[in-house]
Amino acid sequence: MMETNKDCTPAQLLERMKQRTEAIAQRAEQRRTEKTLNEAASENVDYFYDTFQSLKEDLELKIKQAGEVEKSQLIPHLDSMVKDVQKIQQFLNESSMFLASFQIKKAQEHINELESDVYKRIHELQPKKRFGFGKKNTEKKDKNKELKLDNTDSGKGKLKSLDKIIERQFFGFKDLSCQTLTKLAGDLENRQLNLQNLSRCTVIALGNPSTLQFASLTDCIVIVGPTSRSAFIKDCVNCKFVIACQQVRIHDTRDTDFYLHVTGAAIIENCHTVRFAPYNLQYPELGTHYKFSGLDLDTNNWDKIDDFHWLNKNEKSPNWEVIPVSSRVTDWL
C-alpha cells in the first residue's frame, strides 16, 4: 500500500521535501551544463567557419592578384600562397575535434580546390622555355642572342626557385622506404613534422614539434617527442606510433598500434583493428621537451577513444582495443 503524506512524520516530510528540492536543483544544473556545452560547441563551430572563410577569401585574392605582381616579388608571392594553404590545412586539423565529419569533408574539399588553384597559378606564371626548330639566319640569331640568354639562364634560375617552393615548405620525410630517418630537437622546435608515403621506415624525432601530420605510411615505426598541439594521421597500415600531444585524430587506418599521451580528445574515424597503450618513451631530454610542449603530465586520455563511426554510446567500439600489458613494446630506442 502506498504511503501518503498524511502517514508521514514531520521529519519524514521534511526529508522528502529536501530530496525533491535537491533533485530539482540537480536537474536544473544538468540542463545549465548541457546548455553551456552546446553553446560552447556552437561558438567553436561559428568561429571555425568565420575564420576559415576569411583565410579562404584572402588566399583566393592572392591567387587572383598573382598575375599582377612585379617580377621581383613573384617568387615571394607564390611562396606565401603555398604557406597559406598549409596554414588553412593546419587550422582545419586543429579544429577537427569539434567538427562533424561532413563539416570536415566539406572544408577539406575547399582546401583541395585552393591547393589545385595555387599549383595551377604557379605553373602558369613559371617562365616558359623557348625552343627553336629549323635553321634561322645568322642576323636573326645575333639579334636575339641576348634575349635567349635571358630566357634560359635567368629563366632557369626562376624555374628552379619556383619548383622549390613546395619543397621548402615541407618539413619531414616523404617517398622513402627501408630507411631509418631522424630529426634533431633543434630542427623540430615549433615546426610541423610531416611524414608522407613511407614504407618500412623507422622515424625518430626526439624534440618538441608544434604539430604532426602523417599520411600513407606502411609497416613503419614512428617515435616522436612531446608535441605542443595536434596530430593528424590518415591512411596508415601496420604501423606503430609513439606520440604525445594535445589532441589526435586518426582516419582510414588499420592494423596499427598507438602508444599515446593525449591530454584532450582522441578520435578515430573509419579505422579498424587499431590498438592503444600509454606513451612509454624514455630518453634523457624527455622532461625538458615536455616542459617546452606545455602538455599536462597528469592527464592522459590514451584509453578514452571516440569512434565517429560507432554510434552506440552504451557499448565500446569494436574498432579499437587496448594493447595487453604483456604485448607492449617498452624499448623503443
Protein backbone atom coordinates (compact mmCIF):
# COMPACT_ATOMS: atom_id res chain seq x y z
CA MET A 1 0.00 0.00 0.00
CA MET A 2 1.31 3.42 -0.99
CA GLU A 3 2.35 5.69 1.84
CA THR A 4 0.67 9.14 1.78
CA ASN A 5 1.91 12.41 3.20
CA LYS A 6 -0.67 12.03 5.99
CA ASP A 7 1.08 8.86 7.15
CA CYS A 8 4.49 10.57 7.33
CA THR A 9 6.00 12.18 10.35
CA PRO A 10 7.08 15.85 10.08
CA ALA A 11 10.71 14.73 9.92
CA GLN A 12 9.95 12.38 7.03
CA LEU A 13 8.06 15.10 5.19
CA LEU A 14 10.98 17.48 5.59
CA GLU A 15 13.39 14.80 4.33
CA ARG A 16 11.20 14.18 1.27
CA MET A 17 10.97 17.89 0.54
CA LYS A 18 14.74 18.16 0.86
CA GLN A 19 15.30 15.25 -1.51
CA ARG A 20 12.84 16.68 -4.03
CA THR A 21 14.48 20.10 -3.86
CA GLU A 22 17.92 18.56 -4.39
CA ALA A 23 16.65 16.51 -7.36
CA ILE A 24 15.12 19.61 -8.98
CA ALA A 25 18.32 21.58 -8.39
CA GLN A 26 20.40 18.72 -9.84
CA ARG A 27 18.24 18.55 -12.98
CA ALA A 28 18.43 22.33 -13.37
CA GLU A 29 22.21 22.27 -13.03
CA GLN A 30 22.42 19.45 -15.58
CA ARG A 31 20.31 21.46 -18.04
CA ARG A 32 22.51 24.53 -17.48
CA THR A 33 25.65 22.45 -18.05
CA GLU A 34 24.25 20.92 -21.25
CA LYS A 35 23.20 24.35 -22.47
CA THR A 36 26.67 25.75 -21.75
CA LEU A 37 28.34 22.87 -23.57
CA ASN A 38 26.02 23.22 -26.56
CA GLU A 39 26.61 26.97 -26.67
CA ALA A 40 30.40 26.45 -26.45
CA ALA A 41 30.31 23.88 -29.26
CA SER A 42 28.18 26.20 -31.37
CA GLU A 43 30.56 29.10 -30.72
CA ASN A 44 33.53 26.91 -31.71
CA VAL A 45 31.87 25.93 -34.99
CA ASP A 46 30.88 29.55 -35.71
CA TYR A 47 34.43 30.71 -35.01
CA PHE A 48 35.79 28.00 -37.30
CA TYR A 49 33.51 28.94 -40.19
CA ASP A 50 34.22 32.67 -39.83
CA THR A 51 37.98 32.17 -39.64
CA PHE A 52 38.08 29.52 -42.37
CA GLN A 53 36.08 31.73 -44.72
CA SER A 54 38.34 34.70 -44.04
CA LEU A 55 41.51 32.67 -44.70
CA LYS A 56 39.96 31.19 -47.84
CA GLU A 57 38.96 34.60 -49.23
CA ASP A 58 42.40 36.08 -48.50
CA LEU A 59 44.11 33.25 -50.40
CA GLU A 60 41.65 33.48 -53.31
CA LEU A 61 42.54 37.17 -53.60
CA LYS A 62 46.27 36.36 -53.62
CA ILE A 63 45.72 33.79 -56.37
CA LYS A 64 43.77 36.32 -58.43
CA GLN A 65 46.40 39.06 -57.95
CA ALA A 66 49.41 36.80 -58.69
CA GLY A 67 49.46 37.77 -62.38
CA GLU A 68 49.79 41.46 -61.48
CA VAL A 69 52.73 41.08 -59.10
CA GLU A 70 56.06 42.56 -60.16
CA LYS A 71 58.62 40.00 -61.33
CA SER A 72 60.95 40.77 -58.44
CA GLN A 73 58.16 39.90 -55.99
CA LEU A 74 56.72 36.92 -57.85
CA ILE A 75 58.53 34.13 -56.02
CA PRO A 76 57.82 35.55 -52.51
CA HIS A 77 54.17 35.99 -53.52
CA LEU A 78 53.86 32.40 -54.73
CA ASP A 79 55.74 31.23 -51.65
CA SER A 80 53.19 32.96 -49.42
CA MET A 81 50.34 31.28 -51.31
CA VAL A 82 51.77 27.84 -50.57
CA LYS A 83 52.23 28.80 -46.91
CA ASP A 84 48.62 29.95 -46.74
CA VAL A 85 47.36 26.57 -47.99
CA GLN A 86 49.34 24.86 -45.25
CA LYS A 87 48.08 27.36 -42.68
CA ILE A 88 44.45 26.63 -43.61
CA GLN A 89 45.10 22.87 -43.54
CA GLN A 90 46.63 23.12 -40.08
CA PHE A 91 43.69 25.21 -38.88
CA LEU A 92 41.28 22.51 -40.08
CA ASN A 93 43.34 19.75 -38.46
CA GLU A 94 43.35 21.51 -35.11
CA SER A 95 39.63 22.34 -35.33
CA SER A 96 38.54 18.87 -36.37
CA MET A 97 37.93 17.77 -32.78
CA PHE A 98 34.67 19.74 -32.54
CA LEU A 99 33.55 19.46 -36.18
CA ALA A 100 31.23 16.82 -37.60
CA SER A 101 32.52 14.51 -40.32
CA PHE A 102 30.53 16.23 -43.08
CA GLN A 103 31.89 19.63 -41.98
CA ILE A 104 35.46 18.34 -42.13
CA LYS A 105 34.84 16.76 -45.53
CA LYS A 106 33.41 20.00 -46.98
CA ALA A 107 36.26 22.11 -45.58
CA GLN A 108 38.83 19.64 -46.94
CA GLU A 109 37.24 19.87 -50.38
CA HIS A 110 37.67 23.66 -50.28
CA ILE A 111 41.32 23.25 -49.27
CA ASN A 112 41.94 20.77 -52.09
CA GLU A 113 40.44 23.24 -54.57
CA LEU A 114 42.60 26.06 -53.22
CA GLU A 115 45.71 23.88 -53.41
CA SER A 116 44.89 22.97 -57.01
CA ASP A 117 44.36 26.65 -57.90
CA VAL A 118 47.67 27.61 -56.27
CA TYR A 119 49.65 24.96 -58.16
CA LYS A 120 47.90 25.87 -61.40
CA ARG A 121 48.81 29.53 -60.90
CA ILE A 122 52.43 28.64 -60.16
CA HIS A 123 52.72 26.64 -63.38
CA GLU A 124 51.04 29.41 -65.37
CA LEU A 125 53.49 32.01 -64.10
CA GLN A 126 56.67 29.98 -64.44
CA PRO A 127 58.88 31.29 -67.27
CA LYS A 128 58.39 29.16 -70.37
CA LYS A 129 61.45 27.84 -72.07
CA ARG A 130 61.66 28.80 -75.74
CA PHE A 131 62.67 26.19 -78.28
CA GLY A 132 63.60 26.90 -81.92
CA PHE A 133 63.16 24.43 -84.75
CA GLY A 134 64.92 24.55 -88.13
CA LYS A 135 67.60 26.94 -89.30
CA LYS A 136 67.39 30.65 -88.73
CA ASN A 137 69.51 33.23 -90.42
CA THR A 138 72.61 34.43 -88.62
CA GLU A 139 71.39 38.00 -88.37
CA LYS A 140 68.25 36.95 -86.51
CA LYS A 141 70.29 34.73 -84.19
CA ASP A 142 72.65 37.57 -83.35
CA LYS A 143 69.75 39.91 -82.85
CA ASN A 144 68.08 37.61 -80.32
CA LYS A 145 71.21 36.21 -78.69
CA GLU A 146 70.96 38.32 -75.56
CA LEU A 147 67.24 37.72 -75.24
CA LYS A 148 67.74 33.96 -75.50
CA LEU A 149 70.39 34.05 -72.81
CA ASP A 150 67.97 35.88 -70.55
CA ASN A 151 65.24 33.35 -71.24
CA THR A 152 67.49 30.37 -70.48
CA ASP A 153 69.88 31.45 -67.75
CA SER A 154 67.70 33.74 -65.63
CA GLY A 155 64.64 31.74 -66.61
CA LYS A 156 66.22 28.55 -65.37
CA GLY A 157 67.03 30.25 -62.09
CA LYS A 158 63.43 31.37 -61.63
CA LEU A 159 62.09 28.00 -62.68
CA LYS A 160 64.34 26.27 -60.18
CA SER A 161 63.27 28.63 -57.41
CA LEU A 162 59.59 28.17 -58.17
CA ASP A 163 59.91 24.41 -58.28
CA LYS A 164 61.48 24.51 -54.82
CA ILE A 165 58.62 26.43 -53.21
CA ILE A 166 56.68 23.34 -52.25
CA GLU A 167 59.83 21.54 -51.16
CA ARG A 168 60.86 24.35 -48.82
CA GLN A 169 57.51 24.31 -47.07
CA PHE A 170 57.58 20.54 -46.50
CA PHE A 171 59.45 19.66 -43.32
CA GLY A 172 59.83 15.95 -42.76
CA PHE A 173 60.19 12.87 -44.95
CA LYS A 174 58.31 11.50 -47.95
CA ASP A 175 58.52 8.91 -50.72
CA LEU A 176 61.11 6.72 -48.96
CA SER A 177 61.40 3.06 -47.99
CA CYS A 178 63.56 0.82 -45.81
CA GLN A 179 65.40 3.64 -44.04
CA THR A 180 65.99 4.97 -40.53
CA LEU A 181 65.11 8.67 -40.58
CA THR A 182 65.89 11.16 -37.81
CA LYS A 183 65.15 14.77 -36.93
CA LEU A 184 67.06 16.64 -34.23
CA ALA A 185 65.46 18.65 -31.43
CA GLY A 186 66.76 21.96 -32.76
CA ASP A 187 65.15 21.34 -36.14
CA LEU A 188 61.82 20.24 -34.69
CA GLU A 189 61.17 23.18 -32.37
CA ASN A 190 57.84 24.87 -33.19
CA ARG A 191 57.59 23.18 -36.60
CA GLN A 192 55.06 20.83 -38.12
CA LEU A 193 56.55 17.41 -38.78
CA ASN A 194 55.23 15.81 -41.98
CA LEU A 195 55.56 12.17 -42.97
CA GLN A 196 54.15 11.07 -46.29
CA ASN A 197 54.26 7.92 -48.38
CA LEU A 198 56.81 5.95 -46.34
CA SER A 199 57.27 2.19 -46.36
CA ARG A 200 59.19 0.02 -43.88
CA CYS A 201 60.87 3.05 -42.31
CA THR A 202 61.73 3.93 -38.73
CA VAL A 203 61.34 7.62 -37.92
CA ILE A 204 62.91 9.03 -34.75
CA ALA A 205 62.14 12.67 -33.90
CA LEU A 206 63.15 13.43 -30.32
CA GLY A 207 62.20 17.03 -29.76
CA ASN A 208 59.21 19.35 -29.45
CA PRO A 209 57.37 19.80 -32.78
CA SER A 210 54.28 22.00 -32.89
CA THR A 211 52.03 19.62 -34.83
CA LEU A 212 52.19 16.27 -36.61
CA GLN A 213 50.72 15.31 -39.96
CA PHE A 214 51.26 11.75 -41.20
CA ALA A 215 49.74 10.16 -44.31
CA SER A 216 50.14 6.94 -46.27
CA LEU A 217 52.60 5.05 -44.09
CA THR A 218 53.00 1.28 -44.31
CA ASP A 219 54.99 -1.01 -41.98
CA CYS A 220 56.63 1.97 -40.24
CA ILE A 221 57.65 2.80 -36.67
CA VAL A 222 57.31 6.48 -35.73
CA ILE A 223 58.76 7.74 -32.43
CA VAL A 224 58.20 11.40 -31.56
CA GLY A 225 58.85 13.55 -28.50
CA PRO A 226 56.12 15.67 -26.85
CA THR A 227 54.17 17.68 -29.44
CA SER A 228 52.66 21.01 -28.41
CA ARG A 229 49.36 20.80 -30.28
CA SER A 230 47.64 18.29 -32.55
CA ALA A 231 48.40 15.13 -34.50
CA PHE A 232 46.55 14.16 -37.68
CA ILE A 233 47.12 10.65 -39.03
CA LYS A 234 45.48 9.02 -42.05
CA ASP A 235 45.80 6.10 -44.46
CA CYS A 236 48.32 4.11 -42.42
CA VAL A 237 48.67 0.33 -42.33
CA ASN A 238 50.55 -1.96 -39.93
CA CYS A 239 52.48 0.83 -38.19
CA LYS A 240 53.49 1.74 -34.64
CA PHE A 241 53.23 5.33 -33.43
CA VAL A 242 54.68 6.67 -30.18
CA ILE A 243 53.31 10.20 -29.77
CA ALA A 244 52.33 12.73 -27.08
CA CYS A 245 50.08 15.67 -27.98
CA GLN A 246 47.05 17.74 -27.02
CA GLN A 247 44.66 16.03 -29.40
CA VAL A 248 44.85 13.35 -32.05
CA ARG A 249 42.63 12.43 -34.98
CA ILE A 250 43.15 9.18 -36.88
CA HIS A 251 41.44 8.42 -40.21
CA ASP A 252 41.31 5.39 -42.51
CA THR A 253 43.95 3.44 -40.62
CA ARG A 254 44.12 -0.26 -39.80
CA ASP A 255 46.27 -2.86 -38.03
CA THR A 256 48.21 -0.13 -36.22
CA ASP A 257 49.35 0.42 -32.62
CA PHE A 258 49.44 3.76 -30.84
CA TYR A 259 51.43 4.45 -27.67
CA LEU A 260 49.70 7.64 -26.74
CA HIS A 261 49.77 10.54 -24.34
CA VAL A 262 46.87 12.82 -25.22
CA THR A 263 45.53 15.50 -22.90
CA GLY A 264 42.43 16.28 -24.98
CA ALA A 265 40.35 14.34 -27.47
CA ALA A 266 41.44 11.17 -29.23
CA ILE A 267 39.25 10.43 -32.25
CA ILE A 268 39.24 7.63 -34.80
CA GLU A 269 37.20 7.53 -37.99
CA ASN A 270 36.88 4.68 -40.47
CA CYS A 271 39.60 2.73 -38.63
CA HIS A 272 39.86 -1.00 -38.00
CA THR A 273 42.00 -3.07 -35.63
CA VAL A 274 43.78 -0.12 -34.07
CA ARG A 275 45.18 -0.61 -30.58
CA PHE A 276 46.24 1.78 -27.83
CA ALA A 277 48.61 1.86 -24.87
CA PRO A 278 50.04 4.70 -22.76
CA TYR A 279 53.02 6.64 -24.06
CA ASN A 280 56.13 4.97 -22.64
CA LEU A 281 59.03 6.58 -24.48
CA GLN A 282 62.13 7.35 -22.40
CA TYR A 283 65.18 9.42 -23.33
CA PRO A 284 67.37 11.90 -21.39
CA GLU A 285 65.78 15.13 -22.71
CA LEU A 286 62.17 13.95 -22.40
CA GLY A 287 61.42 16.05 -19.29
CA THR A 288 62.75 19.21 -20.92
CA HIS A 289 60.75 18.59 -24.09
CA TYR A 290 57.60 18.02 -22.01
CA LYS A 291 58.12 21.43 -20.38
CA PHE A 292 58.50 23.09 -23.79
CA SER A 293 55.35 21.35 -25.06
CA GLY A 294 53.13 22.56 -22.21
CA LEU A 295 51.39 19.16 -22.01
CA ASP A 296 49.87 18.18 -18.67
CA LEU A 297 51.76 15.13 -17.42
CA ASP A 298 48.92 14.25 -15.04
CA THR A 299 46.29 13.98 -17.78
CA ASN A 300 46.35 11.17 -20.32
CA ASN A 301 43.23 10.06 -22.21
CA TRP A 302 45.02 7.30 -24.12
CA ASP A 303 42.19 4.82 -23.49
CA LYS A 304 39.26 7.24 -23.97
CA ILE A 305 38.91 6.84 -27.72
CA ASP A 306 35.95 8.36 -29.54
CA ASP A 307 34.99 6.39 -32.66
CA PHE A 308 32.97 8.61 -35.01
CA HIS A 309 31.68 5.56 -36.86
CA TRP A 310 30.37 3.85 -33.72
CA LEU A 311 27.11 5.47 -32.64
CA ASN A 312 26.16 3.17 -29.76
CA LYS A 313 27.43 5.03 -26.71
CA ASN A 314 26.41 2.21 -24.39
CA GLU A 315 28.87 -0.23 -25.95
CA LYS A 316 32.57 0.08 -26.67
CA SER A 317 33.55 0.33 -30.34
CA PRO A 318 34.85 -2.95 -31.80
CA ASN A 319 37.26 -1.00 -34.00
CA TRP A 320 39.84 -0.37 -31.28
CA GLU A 321 41.23 -2.14 -28.24
CA VAL A 322 43.82 -1.79 -25.51
CA ILE A 323 47.19 -3.46 -26.11
CA PRO A 324 47.71 -6.13 -23.41
CA VAL A 325 50.48 -5.21 -20.98
CA SER A 326 52.39 -8.36 -21.86
CA SER A 327 52.38 -7.41 -25.55
CA ARG A 328 53.52 -3.80 -25.21
CA VAL A 329 56.84 -2.64 -26.60
CA THR A 330 58.93 -0.94 -23.92
CA ASP A 331 62.33 -0.36 -25.54
CA TRP A 332 61.97 1.99 -28.50
CA LEU A 333 65.48 3.38 -28.91
